[in-house]
Amino acid sequence: MRKYLIFIILTLVFSSCIKDDEPQFNNTVEGNFDALWHIIDTRYCYLDYKNINWDSIKTVYKLGLTQVKNKYQLFDLFAEMLAELKDGHVNLSSEFDVSRYWKWYSDYPDNFNSSIIFNEKYLGGNYRIAGGLRYGKIADGQVGYIYYSSFSSGFSGANIASVFQQFADCKGIIIDVRGNGGGIITYAEYLASYFFEKDETTGYIYHKTGNGHSDFSEPLPVVTKANLKWQRKVVVLTNRMSFSATNDFVCRMKYAPHAIIIGDRTGGGGGLPFSSELPIGWSIRFSASPMIDREGNQIENGIDPNIKIDMDITDNQNDAIIDRAVEEILE
């Protein structure tokens, strides 16, 4: 928790430095457009990485201002322009709507059916709940299975201890974070810590230091603290809806000594978000601080699994990704 508070403080410091000489914009159609474009131009962190020509996008979308008749049309124009960033962390929030970009998962196979995991082959109806974790034994009691649907749902050390106690005679455990769209990043760090034998640098984070698209600080290490409680196999299940804090969790877990990632590429969301406000009062959230893995690879567009498996969408009884994870643990 302390490490991420430092990150947030640094982000605020860097952002305040950038804002010292920022221009002021009027609360007009054109003034709000220029304010939005300027915020992304100077503070969004992936323009160069994604090869986005933000100047060209300004030229194209500014022509649409002549057709704007009310605030709803203005909002829709802004939302369409922001969709050019192809970033699920970018949202424009008004009193009547929130823009969103969903193609980071909607253009890909689901590779998850929540109804299947609650049939008798897997969790069934008598699973246990510890904080945000739903868990039980599968594969004739040989494998522990945890379904974690959101990193916004908390858990405690006592919860984890209880889960591991239940799995004491299992050969390994599965942590299923498919469909987990993220939440509180400190829970990602906390959960990962139970599988590390020693403190490990599992990635790096940068902060914007100026208005240039690539004006960044030196990389700061992201360290996963060891809180070892499980020393057998652990398999993490992923799909394209594993996003944001879940993406961070997967980035950490791929360095855990007994871990393997199975399923589909994660949805990404590697930039820590920050928010600003337009003259009209609408809030704009955007990726401000990019995170990379230990080898220096960007994780914004997702993390590949160790073993790629797709589900059969016509099979409503079997989950091929869980089944492959069980094989990995029992072999």
C-alpha atoms as a PDB file:
ATOM      1  CA  MET A   1       0.000   0.000   0.000  1.00  0.00           C
ATOM      2  CA  ARG A   2       2.806   2.420   0.893  1.00  0.00           C
ATOM      3  CA  LYS A   3       4.474   1.928  -2.492  1.00  0.00           C
ATOM      4  CA  TYR A   4       1.331   2.850  -4.399  1.00  0.00           C
ATOM      5  CA  LEU A   5       0.686   5.851  -2.208  1.00  0.00           C
ATOM      6  CA  ILE A   6       4.161   7.012  -3.237  1.00  0.00           C
ATOM      7  CA  PHE A   7       3.254   6.437  -6.891  1.00  0.00           C
ATOM      8  CA  ILE A   8       0.067   8.471  -6.499  1.00  0.00           C
ATOM      9  CA  ILE A   9       1.923  11.288  -4.739  1.00  0.00           C
ATOM     10  CA  LEU A  10       4.572  11.329  -7.467  1.00  0.00           C
ATOM     11  CA  THR A  11       1.859  11.430 -10.119  1.00  0.00           C
ATOM     12  CA  LEU A  12       0.234  14.387  -8.403  1.00  0.00           C
ATOM     13  CA  VAL A  13       3.590  16.159  -8.100  1.00  0.00           C
ATOM     14  CA  PHE A  14       4.498  15.631 -11.742  1.00  0.00           C
ATOM     15  CA  SER A  15       1.001  16.564 -12.873  1.00  0.00           C
ATOM     16  CA  SER A  16       1.017  19.756 -10.831  1.00  0.00           C
ATOM     17  CA  CYS A  17       4.366  20.694 -12.381  1.00  0.00           C
ATOM     18  CA  ILE A  18       2.962  20.186 -15.850  1.00  0.00           C
ATOM     19  CA  LYS A  19      -0.092  22.304 -15.049  1.00  0.00           C
ATOM     20  CA  ASP A  20       1.832  25.359 -13.828  1.00  0.00           C
ATOM     21  CA  ASP A  21       1.989  27.023 -17.245  1.00  0.00           C
ATOM     22  CA  GLU A  22      -0.992  25.377 -18.899  1.00  0.00           C
ATOM     23  CA  PRO A  23      -3.315  27.567 -20.980  1.00  0.00           C
ATOM     24  CA  GLN A  24      -6.792  28.463 -19.775  1.00  0.00           C
ATOM     25  CA  PHE A  25      -9.800  27.429 -21.868  1.00  0.00           C
ATOM     26  CA  ASN A  26     -13.226  29.034 -22.106  1.00  0.00           C
ATOM     27  CA  ASN A  27     -16.427  27.143 -21.389  1.00  0.00           C
ATOM     28  CA  THR A  28     -17.513  27.153 -25.043  1.00  0.00           C
ATOM     29  CA  VAL A  29     -17.871  24.348 -27.553  1.00  0.00           C
ATOM     30  CA  GLU A  30     -14.469  25.144 -29.035  1.00  0.00           C
ATOM     31  CA  GLY A  31     -12.889  25.902 -25.669  1.00  0.00           C
ATOM     32  CA  ASN A  32     -13.911  22.505 -24.266  1.00  0.00           C
ATOM     33  CA  PHE A  33     -12.685  20.768 -27.406  1.00  0.00           C
ATOM     34  CA  ASP A  34      -9.299  22.458 -27.144  1.00  0.00           C
ATOM     35  CA  ALA A  35      -9.090  21.661 -23.429  1.00  0.00           C
ATOM     36  CA  LEU A  36      -9.806  17.972 -24.007  1.00  0.00           C
ATOM     37  CA  TRP A  37      -7.352  17.723 -26.888  1.00  0.00           C
ATOM     38  CA  HIS A  38      -4.652  19.522 -24.872  1.00  0.00           C
ATOM     39  CA  ILE A  39      -5.067  17.255 -21.819  1.00  0.00           C
ATOM     40  CA  ILE A  40      -4.561  14.139 -23.931  1.00  0.00           C
ATOM     41  CA  ASP A  41      -1.770  15.730 -25.966  1.00  0.00           C
ATOM     42  CA  THR A  42       0.288  16.668 -22.932  1.00  0.00           C
ATOM     43  CA  ARG A  43      -0.602  14.078 -20.304  1.00  0.00           C
ATOM     44  CA  TYR A  44      -1.769  10.847 -21.933  1.00  0.00           C
ATOM     45  CA  CYS A  45       1.120   8.375 -21.827  1.00  0.00           C
ATOM     46  CA  TYR A  46       0.675   6.129 -24.864  1.00  0.00           C
ATOM     47  CA  LEU A  47       0.506   8.443 -27.896  1.00  0.00           C
ATOM     48  CA  ASP A  48       3.996   7.550 -29.115  1.00  0.00           C
ATOM     49  CA  TYR A  49       3.755   3.885 -28.137  1.00  0.00           C
ATOM     50  CA  LYS A  50       0.507   3.501 -30.110  1.00  0.00           C
ATOM     51  CA  ASN A  51       1.751   5.666 -33.019  1.00  0.00           C
ATOM     52  CA  ILE A  52      -1.278   7.950 -32.728  1.00  0.00           C
ATOM     53  CA  ASN A  53      -1.150  11.175 -34.749  1.00  0.00           C
ATOM     54  CA  TRP A  54      -3.039  13.337 -32.271  1.00  0.00           C
ATOM     55  CA  ASP A  55      -2.570  16.473 -34.380  1.00  0.00           C
ATOM     56  CA  SER A  56      -4.305  14.827 -37.316  1.00  0.00           C
ATOM     57  CA  ILE A  57      -7.125  13.625 -35.075  1.00  0.00           C
ATOM     58  CA  LYS A  58      -7.591  17.204 -33.874  1.00  0.00           C
ATOM     59  CA  THR A  59      -7.966  18.436 -37.442  1.00  0.00           C
ATOM     60  CA  VAL A  60     -10.526  15.770 -38.311  1.00  0.00           C
ATOM     61  CA  TYR A  61     -12.728  16.062 -35.226  1.00  0.00           C
ATOM     62  CA  LYS A  62     -12.631  19.829 -34.934  1.00  0.00           C
ATOM     63  CA  LEU A  63     -14.511  19.991 -38.229  1.00  0.00           C
ATOM     64  CA  GLY A  64     -17.376  18.221 -36.466  1.00  0.00           C
ATOM     65  CA  LEU A  65     -17.862  21.119 -34.053  1.00  0.00           C
ATOM     66  CA  THR A  66     -19.888  22.977 -36.703  1.00  0.00           C
ATOM     67  CA  GLN A  67     -22.542  20.241 -36.467  1.00  0.00           C
ATOM     68  CA  VAL A  68     -22.847  20.328 -32.672  1.00  0.00           C
ATOM     69  CA  LYS A  69     -26.223  21.691 -31.541  1.00  0.00           C
ATOM     70  CA  ASN A  70     -26.329  20.654 -27.870  1.00  0.00           C
ATOM     71  CA  LYS A  71     -24.265  19.134 -25.061  1.00  0.00           C
ATOM     72  CA  TYR A  72     -25.286  15.589 -25.977  1.00  0.00           C
ATOM     73  CA  GLN A  73     -23.866  15.916 -29.473  1.00  0.00           C
ATOM     74  CA  LEU A  74     -20.738  17.520 -28.041  1.00  0.00           C
ATOM     75  CA  PHE A  75     -20.307  14.609 -25.627  1.00  0.00           C
ATOM     76  CA  ASP A  76     -20.721  12.069 -28.429  1.00  0.00           C
ATOM     77  CA  LEU A  77     -18.148  13.864 -30.575  1.00  0.00           C
ATOM     78  CA  PHE A  78     -15.658  13.878 -27.688  1.00  0.00           C
ATOM     79  CA  ALA A  79     -16.346  10.192 -26.963  1.00  0.00           C
ATOM     80  CA  GLU A  80     -15.723   9.272 -30.605  1.00  0.00           C
ATOM     81  CA  MET A  81     -12.446  11.194 -30.606  1.00  0.00           C
ATOM     82  CA  LEU A  82     -11.283   9.517 -27.388  1.00  0.00           C
ATOM     83  CA  ALA A  83     -12.090   6.094 -28.857  1.00  0.00           C
ATOM     84  CA  GLU A  84      -9.197   6.702 -31.267  1.00  0.00           C
ATOM     85  CA  LEU A  85      -6.906   6.004 -28.282  1.00  0.00           C
ATOM     86  CA  LYS A  86      -8.206   2.426 -28.057  1.00  0.00           C
ATOM     87  CA  ASP A  87      -7.820   2.467 -24.292  1.00  0.00           C
ATOM     88  CA  GLY A  88     -10.245   0.968 -21.793  1.00  0.00           C
ATOM     89  CA  HIS A  89      -8.899   3.311 -19.108  1.00  0.00           C
ATOM     90  CA  VAL A  90     -10.105   6.395 -21.008  1.00  0.00           C
ATOM     91  CA  ASN A  91     -13.534   7.644 -19.955  1.00  0.00           C
ATOM     92  CA  LEU A  92     -15.382  10.932 -20.308  1.00  0.00           C
ATOM     93  CA  SER A  93     -17.934  11.384 -17.511  1.00  0.00           C
ATOM     94  CA  SER A  94     -20.812  13.853 -17.610  1.00  0.00           C
ATOM     95  CA  GLU A  95     -23.998  14.244 -15.611  1.00  0.00           C
ATOM     96  CA  PHE A  96     -25.845  12.175 -18.222  1.00  0.00           C
ATOM     97  CA  ASP A  97     -23.381   9.609 -19.590  1.00  0.00           C
ATOM     98  CA  VAL A  98     -19.971   7.939 -19.366  1.00  0.00           C
ATOM     99  CA  SER A  99     -18.055   7.149 -22.533  1.00  0.00           C
ATOM    100  CA  ARG A 100     -16.286   3.810 -22.731  1.00  0.00           C
ATOM    101  CA  TYR A 101     -14.109   1.807 -25.082  1.00  0.00           C
ATOM    102  CA  TRP A 102     -14.831  -1.913 -24.983  1.00  0.00           C
ATOM    103  CA  LYS A 103     -13.155  -3.322 -28.083  1.00  0.00           C
ATOM    104  CA  TRP A 104     -10.173  -4.454 -26.026  1.00  0.00           C
ATOM    105  CA  TYR A 105     -12.365  -7.483 -25.193  1.00  0.00           C
ATOM    106  CA  SER A 106     -15.533  -7.317 -27.315  1.00  0.00           C
ATOM    107  CA  ASP A 107     -13.653  -8.132 -30.540  1.00  0.00           C
ATOM    108  CA  TYR A 108     -12.248 -11.339 -29.025  1.00  0.00           C
ATOM    109  CA  PRO A 109     -13.597 -14.744 -27.873  1.00  0.00           C
ATOM    110  CA  ASP A 110     -15.115 -14.738 -24.378  1.00  0.00           C
ATOM    111  CA  ASN A 111     -13.221 -17.861 -23.260  1.00  0.00           C
ATOM    112  CA  PHE A 112     -15.339 -17.814 -20.130  1.00  0.00           C
ATOM    113  CA  ASN A 113     -18.830 -18.888 -19.145  1.00  0.00           C
ATOM    114  CA  SER A 114     -19.579 -18.180 -15.504  1.00  0.00           C
ATOM    115  CA  SER A 115     -22.503 -20.604 -15.464  1.00  0.00           C
ATOM    116  CA  ILE A 116     -20.196 -23.533 -16.265  1.00  0.00           C
ATOM    117  CA  ILE A 117     -17.937 -23.025 -13.254  1.00  0.00           C
ATOM    118  CA  PHE A 118     -20.932 -23.422 -10.943  1.00  0.00           C
ATOM    119  CA  ASN A 119     -21.949 -26.817 -12.312  1.00  0.00           C
ATOM    120  CA  GLU A 120     -21.153 -29.971 -10.353  1.00  0.00           C
ATOM    121  CA  LYS A 121     -17.942 -30.716 -12.259  1.00  0.00           C
ATOM    122  CA  TYR A 122     -16.350 -27.574 -10.841  1.00  0.00           C
ATOM    123  CA  LEU A 123     -17.489 -25.380  -7.928  1.00  0.00           C
ATOM    124  CA  GLY A 124     -21.055 -26.625  -7.802  1.00  0.00           C
ATOM    125  CA  GLY A 125     -23.481 -24.907  -5.457  1.00  0.00           C
ATOM    126  CA  ASN A 126     -21.737 -25.588  -2.142  1.00  0.00           C
ATOM    127  CA  TYR A 127     -18.615 -23.519  -2.649  1.00  0.00           C
ATOM    128  CA  ARG A 128     -17.203 -21.363   0.146  1.00  0.00           C
ATOM    129  CA  ILE A 129     -16.789 -17.581   0.160  1.00  0.00           C
ATOM    130  CA  ALA A 130     -13.886 -15.746   1.806  1.00  0.00           C
ATOM    131  CA  GLY A 131     -14.024 -12.012   1.159  1.00  0.00           C
ATOM    132  CA  GLY A 132     -14.205 -11.613  -2.607  1.00  0.00           C
ATOM    133  CA  LEU A 133     -12.941 -15.166  -3.217  1.00  0.00           C
ATOM    134  CA  ARG A 134     -15.218 -18.085  -4.088  1.00  0.00           C
ATOM    135  CA  TYR A 135     -13.439 -21.378  -3.662  1.00  0.00           C
ATOM    136  CA  GLY A 136     -13.680 -25.134  -3.418  1.00  0.00           C
ATOM    137  CA  LYS A 137     -11.974 -28.382  -4.361  1.00  0.00           C
ATOM    138  CA  ILE A 138     -12.298 -29.886  -7.827  1.00  0.00           C
ATOM    139  CA  ALA A 139     -10.837 -32.923  -9.651  1.00  0.00           C
ATOM    140  CA  ASP A 140     -11.842 -35.346  -6.879  1.00  0.00           C
ATOM    141  CA  GLY A 141     -10.403 -33.039  -4.241  1.00  0.00           C
ATOM    142  CA  GLN A 142      -6.928 -32.958  -5.757  1.00  0.00           C
ATOM    143  CA  VAL A 143      -7.028 -29.333  -6.960  1.00  0.00           C
ATOM    144  CA  GLY A 144      -8.065 -26.163  -5.171  1.00  0.00           C
ATOM    145  CA  TYR A 145     -10.050 -23.694  -7.285  1.00  0.00           C
ATOM    146  CA  ILE A 146     -10.497 -19.959  -6.570  1.00  0.00           C
ATOM    147  CA  TYR A 147     -12.767 -17.752  -8.648  1.00  0.00           C
ATOM    148  CA  TYR A 148     -12.010 -14.042  -8.156  1.00  0.00           C
ATOM    149  CA  SER A 149     -14.391 -11.888 -10.155  1.00  0.00           C
ATOM    150  CA  SER A 150     -13.215  -8.380  -9.197  1.00  0.00           C
ATOM    151  CA  PHE A 151     -10.227  -6.763  -7.533  1.00  0.00           C
ATOM    152  CA  SER A 152     -12.726  -4.248  -6.160  1.00  0.00           C
ATOM    153  CA  SER A 153     -13.870  -6.997  -3.794  1.00  0.00           C
ATOM    154  CA  GLY A 154     -11.441  -7.176  -0.912  1.00  0.00           C
ATOM    155  CA  PHE A 155     -10.031 -10.014   1.132  1.00  0.00           C
ATOM    156  CA  SER A 156      -7.909 -10.275   4.270  1.00  0.00           C
ATOM    157  CA  GLY A 157      -4.940 -12.297   5.374  1.00  0.00           C
ATOM    158  CA  ALA A 158      -7.333 -14.373   7.461  1.00  0.00           C
ATOM    159  CA  ASN A 159      -9.378 -15.089   4.332  1.00  0.00           C
ATOM    160  CA  ILE A 160      -6.303 -16.308   2.459  1.00  0.00           C
ATOM    161  CA  ALA A 161      -5.142 -18.409   5.418  1.00  0.00           C
ATOM    162  CA  SER A 162      -8.553 -20.095   5.563  1.00  0.00           C
ATOM    163  CA  VAL A 163      -8.510 -20.833   1.838  1.00  0.00           C
ATOM    164  CA  PHE A 164      -5.023 -22.344   1.945  1.00  0.00           C
ATOM    165  CA  GLN A 165      -5.954 -24.401   4.984  1.00  0.00           C
ATOM    166  CA  GLN A 166      -8.839 -25.902   3.016  1.00  0.00           C
ATOM    167  CA  PHE A 167      -6.423 -26.702   0.183  1.00  0.00           C
ATOM    168  CA  ALA A 168      -3.687 -28.161   2.414  1.00  0.00           C
ATOM    169  CA  ASP A 169      -3.954 -31.636   0.853  1.00  0.00           C
ATOM    170  CA  CYS A 170      -4.294 -30.396  -2.763  1.00  0.00           C
ATOM    171  CA  LYS A 171      -1.540 -30.841  -5.332  1.00  0.00           C
ATOM    172  CA  GLY A 172      -2.004 -27.310  -6.613  1.00  0.00           C
ATOM    173  CA  ILE A 173      -4.479 -24.474  -6.948  1.00  0.00           C
ATOM    174  CA  ILE A 174      -6.159 -22.584  -9.759  1.00  0.00           C
ATOM    175  CA  ILE A 175      -6.845 -18.843  -9.528  1.00  0.00           C
ATOM    176  CA  ASP A 176      -9.448 -17.926 -12.131  1.00  0.00           C
ATOM    177  CA  VAL A 177      -9.415 -14.198 -12.973  1.00  0.00           C
ATOM    178  CA  ARG A 178     -11.228 -14.482 -16.283  1.00  0.00           C
ATOM    179  CA  GLY A 179     -13.839 -11.752 -16.598  1.00  0.00           C
ATOM    180  CA  ASN A 180     -12.118  -9.789 -13.814  1.00  0.00           C
ATOM    181  CA  GLY A 181     -12.047  -6.212 -15.121  1.00  0.00           C
ATOM    182  CA  GLY A 182      -9.758  -4.940 -12.367  1.00  0.00           C
ATOM    183  CA  GLY A 183     -10.314  -2.775  -9.320  1.00  0.00           C
ATOM    184  CA  ILE A 184      -7.912  -1.884  -6.512  1.00  0.00           C
ATOM    185  CA  ILE A 185      -4.332  -2.517  -7.541  1.00  0.00           C
ATOM    186  CA  THR A 186      -3.104  -3.082  -3.984  1.00  0.00           C
ATOM    187  CA  TYR A 187      -5.217  -6.264  -3.854  1.00  0.00           C
ATOM    188  CA  ALA A 188      -3.374  -7.461  -6.972  1.00  0.00           C
ATOM    189  CA  GLU A 189      -0.047  -6.982  -5.211  1.00  0.00           C
ATOM    190  CA  TYR A 190      -1.329  -8.520  -1.978  1.00  0.00           C
ATOM    191  CA  LEU A 191      -2.710 -11.663  -3.617  1.00  0.00           C
ATOM    192  CA  ALA A 192       0.436 -12.175  -5.702  1.00  0.00           C
ATOM    193  CA  SER A 193       2.654 -11.820  -2.621  1.00  0.00           C
ATOM    194  CA  TYR A 194       1.491 -15.185  -1.262  1.00  0.00           C
ATOM    195  CA  PHE A 195       3.311 -17.008  -4.062  1.00  0.00           C
ATOM    196  CA  PHE A 196       6.768 -15.368  -3.865  1.00  0.00           C
ATOM    197  CA  GLU A 197       9.702 -16.780  -1.912  1.00  0.00           C
ATOM    198  CA  LYS A 198      11.538 -13.444  -1.847  1.00  0.00           C
ATOM    199  CA  ASP A 199      10.910  -9.836  -2.824  1.00  0.00           C
ATOM    200  CA  GLU A 200      11.030  -9.526  -6.596  1.00  0.00           C
ATOM    201  CA  THR A 201      11.069  -6.636  -9.041  1.00  0.00           C
ATOM    202  CA  THR A 202       8.210  -7.632 -11.327  1.00  0.00           C
ATOM    203  CA  GLY A 203       7.996  -4.494 -13.440  1.00  0.00           C
ATOM    204  CA  TYR A 204       8.594  -0.763 -13.700  1.00  0.00           C
ATOM    205  CA  ILE A 205       6.484   2.389 -13.777  1.00  0.00           C
ATOM    206  CA  TYR A 206       7.115   5.781 -15.373  1.00  0.00           C
ATOM    207  CA  HIS A 207       5.570   9.202 -14.689  1.00  0.00           C
ATOM    208  CA  LYS A 208       5.066  12.114 -17.055  1.00  0.00           C
ATOM    209  CA  THR A 209       7.531  14.955 -16.364  1.00  0.00           C
ATOM    210  CA  GLY A 210       6.626  17.350 -19.180  1.00  0.00           C
ATOM    211  CA  ASN A 211       4.230  18.077 -22.010  1.00  0.00           C
ATOM    212  CA  GLY A 212       6.097  16.092 -24.649  1.00  0.00           C
ATOM    213  CA  HIS A 213       4.577  12.750 -25.607  1.00  0.00           C
ATOM    214  CA  SER A 214       7.674  10.898 -24.348  1.00  0.00           C
ATOM    215  CA  ASP A 215       8.616  13.123 -21.412  1.00  0.00           C
ATOM    216  CA  PHE A 216       8.910  10.495 -18.684  1.00  0.00           C
ATOM    217  CA  SER A 217      10.785  10.024 -15.436  1.00  0.00           C
ATOM    218  CA  GLU A 218      13.377   7.316 -14.989  1.00  0.00           C
ATOM    219  CA  PRO A 219      11.706   3.919 -14.456  1.00  0.00           C
ATOM    220  CA  LEU A 220      10.769   3.164 -10.866  1.00  0.00           C
ATOM    221  CA  PRO A 221      10.781  -0.512  -9.851  1.00  0.00           C
ATOM    222  CA  VAL A 222       7.516  -2.236  -8.989  1.00  0.00           C
ATOM    223  CA  VAL A 223       8.384  -4.744  -6.281  1.00  0.00           C
ATOM    224  CA  THR A 224       6.198  -7.666  -5.270  1.00  0.00           C
ATOM    225  CA  LYS A 225       6.859  -8.318  -1.594  1.00  0.00           C
ATOM    226  CA  ALA A 226       7.192 -11.932  -0.508  1.00  0.00           C
ATOM    227  CA  ASN A 227       4.500 -13.187   1.833  1.00  0.00           C
ATOM    228  CA  LEU A 228       4.953 -16.856   1.014  1.00  0.00           C
ATOM    229  CA  LYS A 229       2.103 -19.135   2.009  1.00  0.00           C
ATOM    230  CA  TRP A 230       1.833 -21.505  -0.992  1.00  0.00           C
ATOM    231  CA  GLN A 231       4.800 -23.478  -2.400  1.00  0.00           C
ATOM    232  CA  ARG A 232       3.097 -25.870  -4.808  1.00  0.00           C
ATOM    233  CA  LYS A 233       1.808 -25.324  -8.318  1.00  0.00           C
ATOM    234  CA  VAL A 234      -0.501 -22.411  -8.994  1.00  0.00           C
ATOM    235  CA  VAL A 235      -2.218 -21.844 -12.328  1.00  0.00           C
ATOM    236  CA  VAL A 236      -3.722 -18.458 -13.219  1.00  0.00           C
ATOM    237  CA  LEU A 237      -6.558 -18.483 -15.766  1.00  0.00           C
ATOM    238  CA  THR A 238      -6.922 -15.437 -18.021  1.00  0.00           C
ATOM    239  CA  ASN A 239      -9.001 -14.089 -20.881  1.00  0.00           C
ATOM    240  CA  ARG A 240      -9.355 -10.773 -22.687  1.00  0.00           C
ATOM    241  CA  MET A 241     -11.579  -9.397 -19.920  1.00  0.00           C
ATOM    242  CA  SER A 242      -8.698  -9.717 -17.437  1.00  0.00           C
ATOM    243  CA  PHE A 243      -7.985  -5.991 -17.376  1.00  0.00           C
ATOM    244  CA  SER A 244      -6.288  -3.211 -15.396  1.00  0.00           C
ATOM    245  CA  ALA A 245      -5.492  -4.421 -11.843  1.00  0.00           C
ATOM    246  CA  THR A 246      -5.981  -7.988 -13.090  1.00  0.00           C
ATOM    247  CA  ASN A 247      -3.432  -7.319 -15.813  1.00  0.00           C
ATOM    248  CA  ASP A 248      -1.075  -6.112 -13.069  1.00  0.00           C
ATOM    249  CA  PHE A 249      -1.710  -9.282 -11.056  1.00  0.00           C
ATOM    250  CA  VAL A 250      -0.886 -11.467 -14.058  1.00  0.00           C
ATOM    251  CA  CYS A 251       2.273  -9.438 -14.735  1.00  0.00           C
ATOM    252  CA  ARG A 252       3.415 -10.179 -11.181  1.00  0.00           C
ATOM    253  CA  MET A 253       2.380 -13.831 -11.176  1.00  0.00           C
ATOM    254  CA  LYS A 254       4.327 -14.713 -14.301  1.00  0.00           C
ATOM    255  CA  TYR A 255       7.463 -14.280 -12.137  1.00  0.00           C
ATOM    256  CA  ALA A 256       6.211 -16.389  -9.224  1.00  0.00           C
ATOM    257  CA  PRO A 257       8.363 -19.545  -8.967  1.00  0.00           C
ATOM    258  CA  HIS A 258       5.599 -22.175  -9.220  1.00  0.00           C
ATOM    259  CA  ALA A 259       3.100 -20.261 -11.376  1.00  0.00           C
ATOM    260  CA  ILE A 260       1.888 -20.771 -14.919  1.00  0.00           C
ATOM    261  CA  ILE A 261      -0.599 -18.680 -16.924  1.00  0.00           C
ATOM    262  CA  ILE A 262      -3.197 -20.545 -18.998  1.00  0.00           C
ATOM    263  CA  GLY A 263      -5.991 -19.227 -21.213  1.00  0.00           C
ATOM    264  CA  ASP A 264      -6.061 -16.207 -23.499  1.00  0.00           C
ATOM    265  CA  ARG A 265      -4.081 -12.987 -23.687  1.00  0.00           C
ATOM    266  CA  THR A 266      -5.188 -10.497 -21.011  1.00  0.00           C
ATOM    267  CA  GLY A 267      -7.039  -7.326 -21.992  1.00  0.00           C
ATOM    268  CA  GLY A 268      -4.222  -5.002 -20.947  1.00  0.00           C
ATOM    269  CA  GLY A 269      -4.793  -1.665 -19.269  1.00  0.00           C
ATOM    270  CA  GLY A 270      -1.171  -1.157 -18.247  1.00  0.00           C
ATOM    271  CA  GLY A 271      -1.333   2.557 -17.511  1.00  0.00           C
ATOM    272  CA  LEU A 272      -2.284   3.915 -14.098  1.00  0.00           C
ATOM    273  CA  PRO A 273      -5.216   6.287 -14.675  1.00  0.00           C
ATOM    274  CA  PHE A 274      -5.459   9.944 -13.685  1.00  0.00           C
ATOM    275  CA  SER A 275      -8.373  12.394 -13.955  1.00  0.00           C
ATOM    276  CA  SER A 276      -8.811  15.993 -15.022  1.00  0.00           C
ATOM    277  CA  GLU A 277     -11.760  18.298 -15.662  1.00  0.00           C
ATOM    278  CA  LEU A 278     -13.031  20.258 -18.653  1.00  0.00           C
ATOM    279  CA  PRO A 279     -14.447  23.814 -18.350  1.00  0.00           C
ATOM    280  CA  ILE A 280     -17.957  22.397 -18.812  1.00  0.00           C
ATOM    281  CA  GLY A 281     -17.461  20.310 -15.657  1.00  0.00           C
ATOM    282  CA  TRP A 282     -17.073  16.926 -17.319  1.00  0.00           C
ATOM    283  CA  SER A 283     -14.352  14.639 -15.970  1.00  0.00           C
ATOM    284  CA  ILE A 284     -11.824  12.980 -18.249  1.00  0.00           C
ATOM    285  CA  ARG A 285      -9.931   9.908 -17.035  1.00  0.00           C
ATOM    286  CA  PHE A 286      -6.872   8.767 -18.977  1.00  0.00           C
ATOM    287  CA  SER A 287      -3.769   6.594 -18.707  1.00  0.00           C
ATOM    288  CA  ALA A 288      -1.016   8.771 -17.231  1.00  0.00           C
ATOM    289  CA  SER A 289       1.738   6.463 -15.955  1.00  0.00           C
ATOM    290  CA  PRO A 290       2.773   3.496 -18.121  1.00  0.00           C
ATOM    291  CA  MET A 291       3.822   0.218 -16.549  1.00  0.00           C
ATOM    292  CA  ILE A 292       6.082  -2.387 -18.130  1.00  0.00           C
ATOM    293  CA  ASP A 293       7.159  -5.884 -17.159  1.00  0.00           C
ATOM    294  CA  ARG A 294      10.557  -6.839 -15.791  1.00  0.00           C
ATOM    295  CA  GLU A 295      12.040  -7.302 -19.265  1.00  0.00           C
ATOM    296  CA  GLY A 296      10.845  -3.868 -20.372  1.00  0.00           C
ATOM    297  CA  ASN A 297       7.848  -5.033 -22.416  1.00  0.00           C
ATOM    298  CA  GLN A 298       4.735  -2.869 -22.487  1.00  0.00           C
ATOM    299  CA  ILE A 299       1.684  -4.516 -20.882  1.00  0.00           C
ATOM    300  CA  GLU A 300      -0.842  -1.956 -22.142  1.00  0.00           C
ATOM    301  CA  ASN A 301      -2.136  -4.309 -24.844  1.00  0.00           C
ATOM    302  CA  GLY A 302      -2.147  -7.431 -22.704  1.00  0.00           C
ATOM    303  CA  ILE A 303       0.033 -10.308 -21.506  1.00  0.00           C
ATOM    304  CA  ASP A 304       0.274 -13.620 -23.343  1.00  0.00           C
ATOM    305  CA  PRO A 305      -0.330 -16.826 -21.367  1.00  0.00           C
ATOM    306  CA  ASN A 306       2.252 -19.566 -21.093  1.00  0.00           C
ATOM    307  CA  ILE A 307      -0.314 -21.955 -22.580  1.00  0.00           C
ATOM    308  CA  LYS A 308      -2.936 -20.608 -24.997  1.00  0.00           C
ATOM    309  CA  ILE A 309      -6.304 -22.404 -24.797  1.00  0.00           C
ATOM    310  CA  ASP A 310      -9.668 -21.427 -26.292  1.00  0.00           C
ATOM    311  CA  MET A 311     -13.009 -22.715 -25.050  1.00  0.00           C
ATOM    312  CA  ASP A 312     -15.512 -24.502 -27.256  1.00  0.00           C
ATOM    313  CA  ILE A 313     -18.452 -22.097 -27.323  1.00  0.00           C
ATOM    314  CA  THR A 314     -20.827 -24.961 -28.204  1.00  0.00           C
ATOM    315  CA  ASP A 315     -19.931 -26.918 -25.043  1.00  0.00           C
ATOM    316  CA  ASN A 316     -22.049 -25.750 -22.105  1.00  0.00           C
ATOM    317  CA  GLN A 317     -20.800 -28.391 -19.669  1.00  0.00           C
ATOM    318  CA  ASN A 318     -17.007 -28.344 -19.854  1.00  0.00           C
ATOM    319  CA  ASP A 319     -14.480 -25.562 -19.419  1.00  0.00           C
ATOM    320  CA  ALA A 320     -11.447 -26.460 -21.552  1.00  0.00           C
ATOM    321  CA  ILE A 321      -9.268 -23.869 -19.803  1.00  0.00           C
ATOM    322  CA  ILE A 322      -9.982 -25.227 -16.309  1.00  0.00           C
ATOM    323  CA  ASP A 323      -9.521 -28.779 -17.585  1.00  0.00           C
ATOM    324  CA  ARG A 324      -6.116 -27.908 -19.059  1.00  0.00           C
ATOM    325  CA  ALA A 325      -5.111 -26.285 -15.755  1.00  0.00           C
ATOM    326  CA  VAL A 326      -6.071 -29.449 -13.868  1.00  0.00           C
ATOM    327  CA  GLU A 327      -3.925 -31.509 -16.250  1.00  0.00           C
ATOM    328  CA  GLU A 328      -0.982 -29.164 -15.644  1.00  0.00           C
ATOM    329  CA  ILE A 329      -1.286 -29.576 -11.871  1.00  0.00           C
ATOM    330  CA  LEU A 330      -1.782 -33.339 -11.841  1.00  0.00           C
ATOM    331  CA  GLU A 331       0.785 -34.374 -14.446  1.00  0.00           C
END
